Each structure stands twice: as structure tokens, then as C-alpha cells.
Amino acid sequence: MDVVVMLKEFQNQLKARGYAESTIECYSGYLKFFKRWLQKRGVADLKKVTHGMISDYQAEVMSLPLALESKALRIRPI
């Protein structure tokens, strides 16, 4: 599945579940970090994302000079 399509479907699911628009925007924004991370690695198809890639993303986020909650927000939607 294409990453862009997944992002839109995720937003639609959150809307259907009654999430606040601000929450949807927040989660969508944090998913865009992951999308860019994947694009830098040449990954456009979510079927090619491995557990190892997700672990690498988490490790990279955890190494950023951000507050722990900010790091958690970047990881949570993944």
C-alpha cells in the first residue's frame, strides 16, 4: 500500500471513530515524519516496511534531542 494512501485512510478511520480534528491533525503530522523517513530510504510501499525498519525509526526518534513525550508522540501513530 502506498504511504500517501495509507495516511489518508488512517485519517478517515480516526474521523469515523470520532476523534477530534486536532488529534487527527496531530497524528497525521507525526505520521508524515515517518513517511519522510521511509522516503529517504526509498520505501514507498508499506508492504516493504519490516519490523527492523520500525525499530530503526524508533531508535532514531529516541536519539533526538526532544522531550520524552515529544518522542512518544512521533512513535505512537506508527
PDB file of N, CA and C in Angstrom:
ATOM      1  N   MET A   1       0.846  -1.179   0.000  1.00  0.00           N
ATOM      2  CA  MET A   1       0.000   0.000   0.000  1.00  0.00           C
ATOM      3  C   MET A   1       0.891   1.243   0.000  1.00  0.00           C
ATOM      4  N   ASP A   2       0.531   2.179  -0.799  1.00  0.00           N
ATOM      5  CA  ASP A   2       1.255   3.443  -0.894  1.00  0.00           C
ATOM      6  C   ASP A   2       1.151   4.219   0.414  1.00  0.00           C
ATOM      7  N   VAL A   3       2.239   4.832   0.827  1.00  0.00           N
ATOM      8  CA  VAL A   3       2.284   5.562   2.097  1.00  0.00           C
ATOM      9  C   VAL A   3       1.282   6.716   2.110  1.00  0.00           C
ATOM     10  N   VAL A   4       1.147   7.431   0.996  1.00  0.00           N
ATOM     11  CA  VAL A   4       0.218   8.565   0.928  1.00  0.00           C
ATOM     12  C   VAL A   4      -1.220   8.084   1.083  1.00  0.00           C
ATOM     13  N   VAL A   5      -1.559   6.980   0.439  1.00  0.00           N
ATOM     14  CA  VAL A   5      -2.898   6.406   0.538  1.00  0.00           C
ATOM     15  C   VAL A   5      -3.172   5.971   1.979  1.00  0.00           C
ATOM     16  N   MET A   6      -2.164   5.357   2.606  1.00  0.00           N
ATOM     17  CA  MET A   6      -2.311   4.912   3.990  1.00  0.00           C
ATOM     18  C   MET A   6      -2.606   6.083   4.916  1.00  0.00           C
ATOM     19  N   LEU A   7      -1.931   7.185   4.702  1.00  0.00           N
ATOM     20  CA  LEU A   7      -2.126   8.354   5.550  1.00  0.00           C
ATOM     21  C   LEU A   7      -3.566   8.843   5.465  1.00  0.00           C
ATOM     22  N   LYS A   8      -4.103   8.910   4.260  1.00  0.00           N
ATOM     23  CA  LYS A   8      -5.481   9.362   4.071  1.00  0.00           C
ATOM     24  C   LYS A   8      -6.467   8.371   4.698  1.00  0.00           C
ATOM     25  N   GLU A   9      -6.230   7.095   4.538  1.00  0.00           N
ATOM     26  CA  GLU A   9      -7.104   6.079   5.125  1.00  0.00           C
ATOM     27  C   GLU A   9      -7.061   6.132   6.654  1.00  0.00           C
ATOM     28  N   PHE A  10      -5.884   6.367   7.192  1.00  0.00           N
ATOM     29  CA  PHE A  10      -5.738   6.498   8.644  1.00  0.00           C
ATOM     30  C   PHE A  10      -6.561   7.674   9.150  1.00  0.00           C
ATOM     31  N   GLN A  11      -6.479   8.805   8.450  1.00  0.00           N
ATOM     32  CA  GLN A  11      -7.262   9.986   8.827  1.00  0.00           C
ATOM     33  C   GLN A  11      -8.758   9.677   8.778  1.00  0.00           C
ATOM     34  N   ASN A  12      -9.192   8.986   7.743  1.00  0.00           N
ATOM     35  CA  ASN A  12     -10.610   8.635   7.616  1.00  0.00           C
ATOM     36  C   ASN A  12     -11.069   7.716   8.743  1.00  0.00           C
ATOM     37  N   GLN A  13     -10.225   6.776   9.141  1.00  0.00           N
ATOM     38  CA  GLN A  13     -10.567   5.872  10.245  1.00  0.00           C
ATOM     39  C   GLN A  13     -10.699   6.633  11.558  1.00  0.00           C
ATOM     40  N   LEU A  14      -9.782   7.576  11.793  1.00  0.00           N
ATOM     41  CA  LEU A  14      -9.858   8.362  13.024  1.00  0.00           C
ATOM     42  C   LEU A  14     -11.133   9.211  13.047  1.00  0.00           C
ATOM     43  N   LYS A  15     -11.487   9.786  11.897  1.00  0.00           N
ATOM     44  CA  LYS A  15     -12.731  10.572  11.807  1.00  0.00           C
ATOM     45  C   LYS A  15     -13.934   9.698  12.104  1.00  0.00           C
ATOM     46  N   ALA A  16     -13.950   8.497  11.522  1.00  0.00           N
ATOM     47  CA  ALA A  16     -15.065   7.565  11.723  1.00  0.00           C
ATOM     48  C   ALA A  16     -15.189   7.142  13.187  1.00  0.00           C
ATOM     49  N   ARG A  17     -14.085   7.117  13.891  1.00  0.00           N
ATOM     50  CA  ARG A  17     -14.095   6.732  15.309  1.00  0.00           C
ATOM     51  C   ARG A  17     -14.396   7.905  16.232  1.00  0.00           C
ATOM     52  N   GLY A  18     -14.592   9.083  15.641  1.00  0.00           N
ATOM     53  CA  GLY A  18     -14.977  10.241  16.433  1.00  0.00           C
ATOM     54  C   GLY A  18     -13.842  11.015  17.078  1.00  0.00           C
ATOM     55  N   TYR A  19     -12.630  10.835  16.585  1.00  0.00           N
ATOM     56  CA  TYR A  19     -11.502  11.591  17.126  1.00  0.00           C
ATOM     57  C   TYR A  19     -11.658  13.072  16.801  1.00  0.00           C
ATOM     58  N   ALA A  20     -11.163  13.912  17.672  1.00  0.00           N
ATOM     59  CA  ALA A  20     -11.199  15.359  17.450  1.00  0.00           C
ATOM     60  C   ALA A  20     -10.303  15.707  16.265  1.00  0.00           C
ATOM     61  N   GLU A  21     -10.687  16.746  15.539  1.00  0.00           N
ATOM     62  CA  GLU A  21      -9.918  17.175  14.373  1.00  0.00           C
ATOM     63  C   GLU A  21      -8.470  17.511  14.767  1.00  0.00           C
ATOM     64  N   SER A  22      -8.292  18.096  15.943  1.00  0.00           N
ATOM     65  CA  SER A  22      -6.934  18.438  16.386  1.00  0.00           C
ATOM     66  C   SER A  22      -6.083  17.184  16.604  1.00  0.00           C
ATOM     67  N   THR A  23      -6.685  16.123  17.101  1.00  0.00           N
ATOM     68  CA  THR A  23      -5.973  14.860  17.297  1.00  0.00           C
ATOM     69  C   THR A  23      -5.598  14.249  15.956  1.00  0.00           C
ATOM     70  N   ILE A  24      -6.527  14.292  15.015  1.00  0.00           N
ATOM     71  CA  ILE A  24      -6.269  13.751  13.678  1.00  0.00           C
ATOM     72  C   ILE A  24      -5.118  14.510  13.025  1.00  0.00           C
ATOM     73  N   GLU A  25      -5.131  15.822  13.137  1.00  0.00           N
ATOM     74  CA  GLU A  25      -4.062  16.633  12.560  1.00  0.00           C
ATOM     75  C   GLU A  25      -2.725  16.324  13.220  1.00  0.00           C
ATOM     76  N   CYS A  26      -2.744  16.156  14.529  1.00  0.00           N
ATOM     77  CA  CYS A  26      -1.518  15.858  15.275  1.00  0.00           C
ATOM     78  C   CYS A  26      -0.940  14.511  14.832  1.00  0.00           C
ATOM     79  N   TYR A  27      -1.776  13.469  14.852  1.00  0.00           N
ATOM     80  CA  TYR A  27      -1.313  12.141  14.445  1.00  0.00           C
ATOM     81  C   TYR A  27      -0.847  12.143  12.998  1.00  0.00           C
ATOM     82  N   SER A  28      -1.574  12.839  12.142  1.00  0.00           N
ATOM     83  CA  SER A  28      -1.201  12.903  10.726  1.00  0.00           C
ATOM     84  C   SER A  28       0.157  13.576  10.562  1.00  0.00           C
ATOM     85  N   GLY A  29       0.369  14.627  11.305  1.00  0.00           N
ATOM     86  CA  GLY A  29       1.654  15.318  11.248  1.00  0.00           C
ATOM     87  C   GLY A  29       2.796  14.420  11.674  1.00  0.00           C
ATOM     88  N   TYR A  30       2.595  13.648  12.727  1.00  0.00           N
ATOM     89  CA  TYR A  30       3.649  12.758  13.190  1.00  0.00           C
ATOM     90  C   TYR A  30       3.864  11.593  12.234  1.00  0.00           C
ATOM     91  N   LEU A  31       2.800  11.153  11.558  1.00  0.00           N
ATOM     92  CA  LEU A  31       2.974  10.113  10.552  1.00  0.00           C
ATOM     93  C   LEU A  31       3.774  10.622   9.359  1.00  0.00           C
ATOM     94  N   LYS A  32       3.687  11.915   9.108  1.00  0.00           N
ATOM     95  CA  LYS A  32       4.457  12.492   7.997  1.00  0.00           C
ATOM     96  C   LYS A  32       5.956  12.416   8.273  1.00  0.00           C
ATOM     97  N   PHE A  33       6.350  12.463   9.553  1.00  0.00           N
ATOM     98  CA  PHE A  33       7.763  12.269   9.888  1.00  0.00           C
ATOM     99  C   PHE A  33       8.205  10.873   9.446  1.00  0.00           C
ATOM    100  N   PHE A  34       7.371   9.883   9.734  1.00  0.00           N
ATOM    101  CA  PHE A  34       7.683   8.508   9.354  1.00  0.00           C
ATOM    102  C   PHE A  34       7.691   8.367   7.831  1.00  0.00           C
ATOM    103  N   LYS A  35       6.743   9.014   7.183  1.00  0.00           N
ATOM    104  CA  LYS A  35       6.676   8.985   5.722  1.00  0.00           C
ATOM    105  C   LYS A  35       7.973   9.522   5.120  1.00  0.00           C
ATOM    106  N   ARG A  36       8.443  10.652   5.617  1.00  0.00           N
ATOM    107  CA  ARG A  36       9.695  11.227   5.107  1.00  0.00           C
ATOM    108  C   ARG A  36      10.876  10.307   5.396  1.00  0.00           C
ATOM    109  N   TRP A  37      10.864   9.700   6.580  1.00  0.00           N
ATOM    110  CA  TRP A  37      11.925   8.774   6.953  1.00  0.00           C
ATOM    111  C   TRP A  37      11.968   7.607   5.959  1.00  0.00           C
ATOM    112  N   LEU A  38      10.787   7.082   5.616  1.00  0.00           N
ATOM    113  CA  LEU A  38      10.717   5.989   4.645  1.00  0.00           C
ATOM    114  C   LEU A  38      11.176   6.445   3.264  1.00  0.00           C
ATOM    115  N   GLN A  39      10.753   7.632   2.851  1.00  0.00           N
ATOM    116  CA  GLN A  39      11.128   8.146   1.534  1.00  0.00           C
ATOM    117  C   GLN A  39      12.634   8.283   1.405  1.00  0.00           C
ATOM    118  N   LYS A  40      13.302   8.714   2.481  1.00  0.00           N
ATOM    119  CA  LYS A  40      14.765   8.840   2.456  1.00  0.00           C
ATOM    120  C   LYS A  40      15.427   7.487   2.231  1.00  0.00           C
ATOM    121  N   ARG A  41      14.729   6.428   2.568  1.00  0.00           N
ATOM    122  CA  ARG A  41      15.251   5.078   2.403  1.00  0.00           C
ATOM    123  C   ARG A  41      14.711   4.401   1.152  1.00  0.00           C
ATOM    124  N   GLY A  42      13.983   5.162   0.338  1.00  0.00           N
ATOM    125  CA  GLY A  42      13.469   4.620  -0.921  1.00  0.00           C
ATOM    126  C   GLY A  42      12.291   3.687  -0.773  1.00  0.00           C
ATOM    127  N   VAL A  43      11.565   3.796   0.330  1.00  0.00           N
ATOM    128  CA  VAL A  43      10.425   2.915   0.573  1.00  0.00           C
ATOM    129  C   VAL A  43       9.134   3.698   0.336  1.00  0.00           C
ATOM    130  N   ALA A  44       8.348   3.274  -0.650  1.00  0.00           N
ATOM    131  CA  ALA A  44       7.071   3.921  -0.950  1.00  0.00           C
ATOM    132  C   ALA A  44       5.902   2.978  -0.717  1.00  0.00           C
ATOM    133  N   ASP A  45       6.198   1.690  -0.553  1.00  0.00           N
ATOM    134  CA  ASP A  45       5.175   0.673  -0.371  1.00  0.00           C
ATOM    135  C   ASP A  45       5.244   0.139   1.062  1.00  0.00           C
ATOM    136  N   LEU A  46       4.151   0.287   1.789  1.00  0.00           N
ATOM    137  CA  LEU A  46       4.142  -0.160   3.186  1.00  0.00           C
ATOM    138  C   LEU A  46       4.367  -1.662   3.342  1.00  0.00           C
ATOM    139  N   LYS A  47       4.101  -2.417   2.302  1.00  0.00           N
ATOM    140  CA  LYS A  47       4.332  -3.860   2.368  1.00  0.00           C
ATOM    141  C   LYS A  47       5.817  -4.175   2.493  1.00  0.00           C
ATOM    142  N   LYS A  48       6.662  -3.208   2.174  1.00  0.00           N
ATOM    143  CA  LYS A  48       8.106  -3.408   2.259  1.00  0.00           C
ATOM    144  C   LYS A  48       8.680  -2.967   3.603  1.00  0.00           C
ATOM    145  N   VAL A  49       7.835  -2.400   4.462  1.00  0.00           N
ATOM    146  CA  VAL A  49       8.293  -1.978   5.786  1.00  0.00           C
ATOM    147  C   VAL A  49       8.412  -3.221   6.671  1.00  0.00           C
ATOM    148  N   THR A  50       9.572  -3.351   7.287  1.00  0.00           N
ATOM    149  CA  THR A  50       9.828  -4.503   8.150  1.00  0.00           C
ATOM    150  C   THR A  50       9.809  -4.077   9.623  1.00  0.00           C
ATOM    151  N   HIS A  51       9.754  -5.053  10.474  1.00  0.00           N
ATOM    152  CA  HIS A  51       9.831  -4.783  11.912  1.00  0.00           C
ATOM    153  C   HIS A  51      11.151  -4.080  12.235  1.00  0.00           C
ATOM    154  N   GLY A  52      12.205  -4.496  11.555  1.00  0.00           N
ATOM    155  CA  GLY A  52      13.517  -3.878  11.761  1.00  0.00           C
ATOM    156  C   GLY A  52      13.521  -2.404  11.398  1.00  0.00           C
ATOM    157  N   MET A  53      12.820  -2.047  10.326  1.00  0.00           N
ATOM    158  CA  MET A  53      12.729  -0.639   9.929  1.00  0.00           C
ATOM    159  C   MET A  53      12.013   0.177  10.990  1.00  0.00           C
ATOM    160  N   ILE A  54      10.946  -0.382  11.522  1.00  0.00           N
ATOM    161  CA  ILE A  54      10.203   0.327  12.563  1.00  0.00           C
ATOM    162  C   ILE A  54      11.079   0.491  13.802  1.00  0.00           C
ATOM    163  N   SER A  55      11.825  -0.536  14.139  1.00  0.00           N
ATOM    164  CA  SER A  55      12.749  -0.449  15.280  1.00  0.00           C
ATOM    165  C   SER A  55      13.822   0.608  15.028  1.00  0.00           C
ATOM    166  N   ASP A  56      14.320   0.666  13.802  1.00  0.00           N
ATOM    167  CA  ASP A  56      15.323   1.683  13.456  1.00  0.00           C
ATOM    168  C   ASP A  56      14.739   3.089  13.572  1.00  0.00           C
ATOM    169  N   TYR A  57      13.509   3.252  13.103  1.00  0.00           N
ATOM    170  CA  TYR A  57      12.840   4.559  13.210  1.00  0.00           C
ATOM    171  C   TYR A  57      12.689   4.947  14.682  1.00  0.00           C
ATOM    172  N   GLN A  58      12.224   4.003  15.490  1.00  0.00           N
ATOM    173  CA  GLN A  58      12.055   4.275  16.919  1.00  0.00           C
ATOM    174  C   GLN A  58      13.380   4.669  17.555  1.00  0.00           C
ATOM    175  N   ALA A  59      14.434   3.968  17.220  1.00  0.00           N
ATOM    176  CA  ALA A  59      15.757   4.285  17.781  1.00  0.00           C
ATOM    177  C   ALA A  59      16.207   5.677  17.358  1.00  0.00           C
ATOM    178  N   GLU A  60      15.964   6.020  16.096  1.00  0.00           N
ATOM    179  CA  GLU A  60      16.348   7.344  15.620  1.00  0.00           C
ATOM    180  C   GLU A  60      15.560   8.435  16.345  1.00  0.00           C
ATOM    181  N   VAL A  61      14.257   8.221  16.516  1.00  0.00           N
ATOM    182  CA  VAL A  61      13.430   9.194  17.241  1.00  0.00           C
ATOM    183  C   VAL A  61      13.919   9.331  18.675  1.00  0.00           C
ATOM    184  N   MET A  62      14.229   8.221  19.308  1.00  0.00           N
ATOM    185  CA  MET A  62      14.667   8.260  20.702  1.00  0.00           C
ATOM    186  C   MET A  62      16.012   8.963  20.866  1.00  0.00           C
ATOM    187  N   SER A  63      16.790   9.037  19.794  1.00  0.00           N
ATOM    188  CA  SER A  63      18.093   9.706  19.884  1.00  0.00           C
ATOM    189  C   SER A  63      17.985  11.220  19.667  1.00  0.00           C
ATOM    190  N   LEU A  64      16.812  11.696  19.269  1.00  0.00           N
ATOM    191  CA  LEU A  64      16.634  13.128  19.023  1.00  0.00           C
ATOM    192  C   LEU A  64      16.637  13.917  20.333  1.00  0.00           C
ATOM    193  N   PRO A  65      17.100  15.168  20.281  1.00  0.00           N
ATOM    194  CA  PRO A  65      17.119  15.994  21.497  1.00  0.00           C
ATOM    195  C   PRO A  65      15.747  16.622  21.756  1.00  0.00           C
ATOM    196  N   LEU A  66      14.786  15.754  22.058  1.00  0.00           N
ATOM    197  CA  LEU A  66      13.405  16.172  22.325  1.00  0.00           C
ATOM    198  C   LEU A  66      12.971  15.634  23.683  1.00  0.00           C
ATOM    199  N   ALA A  67      11.917  16.223  24.211  1.00  0.00           N
ATOM    200  CA  ALA A  67      11.323  15.707  25.443  1.00  0.00           C
ATOM    201  C   ALA A  67      10.776  14.308  25.176  1.00  0.00           C
ATOM    202  N   LEU A  68      10.739  13.494  26.209  1.00  0.00           N
ATOM    203  CA  LEU A  68      10.282  12.117  26.076  1.00  0.00           C
ATOM    204  C   LEU A  68       8.866  12.051  25.499  1.00  0.00           C
ATOM    205  N   GLU A  69       7.980  12.941  25.920  1.00  0.00           N
ATOM    206  CA  GLU A  69       6.605  12.934  25.393  1.00  0.00           C
ATOM    207  C   GLU A  69       6.590  13.269  23.907  1.00  0.00           C
ATOM    208  N   SER A  70       7.438  14.180  23.471  1.00  0.00           N
ATOM    209  CA  SER A  70       7.525  14.513  22.045  1.00  0.00           C
ATOM    210  C   SER A  70       7.994  13.307  21.240  1.00  0.00           C
ATOM    211  N   LYS A  71       8.933  12.571  21.790  1.00  0.00           N
ATOM    212  CA  LYS A  71       9.402  11.349  21.128  1.00  0.00           C
ATOM    213  C   LYS A  71       8.270  10.330  21.046  1.00  0.00           C
ATOM    214  N   ALA A  72       7.542  10.179  22.141  1.00  0.00           N
ATOM    215  CA  ALA A  72       6.437   9.224  22.175  1.00  0.00           C
ATOM    216  C   ALA A  72       5.369   9.596  21.149  1.00  0.00           C
ATOM    217  N   LEU A  73       5.110  10.883  20.989  1.00  0.00           N
ATOM    218  CA  LEU A  73       4.112  11.328  20.014  1.00  0.00           C
ATOM    219  C   LEU A  73       4.534  10.990  18.591  1.00  0.00           C
ATOM    220  N   ARG A  74       5.821  11.021  18.310  1.00  0.00           N
ATOM    221  CA  ARG A  74       6.298  10.671  16.965  1.00  0.00           C
ATOM    222  C   ARG A  74       6.216   9.188  16.714  1.00  0.00           C
ATOM    223  N   ILE A  75       6.274   8.408  17.769  1.00  0.00           N
ATOM    224  CA  ILE A  75       6.257   6.941  17.621  1.00  0.00           C
ATOM    225  C   ILE A  75       4.833   6.378  17.697  1.00  0.00           C
ATOM    226  N   ARG A  76       4.005   6.956  18.532  1.00  0.00           N
ATOM    227  CA  ARG A  76       2.669   6.413  18.829  1.00  0.00           C
ATOM    228  C   ARG A  76       1.841   6.065  17.594  1.00  0.00           C
ATOM    229  N   PRO A  77       1.705   6.928  16.593  1.00  0.00           N
ATOM    230  CA  PRO A  77       0.849   6.563  15.457  1.00  0.00           C
ATOM    231  C   PRO A  77       1.408   5.435  14.591  1.00  0.00           C
ATOM    232  N   ILE A  78       2.690   5.173  14.716  1.00  0.00           N
ATOM    233  CA  ILE A  78       3.316   4.122  13.908  1.00  0.00           C
ATOM    234  C   ILE A  78       2.891   2.766  14.432  1.00  0.00           C
TER     235      ILE A  78
END
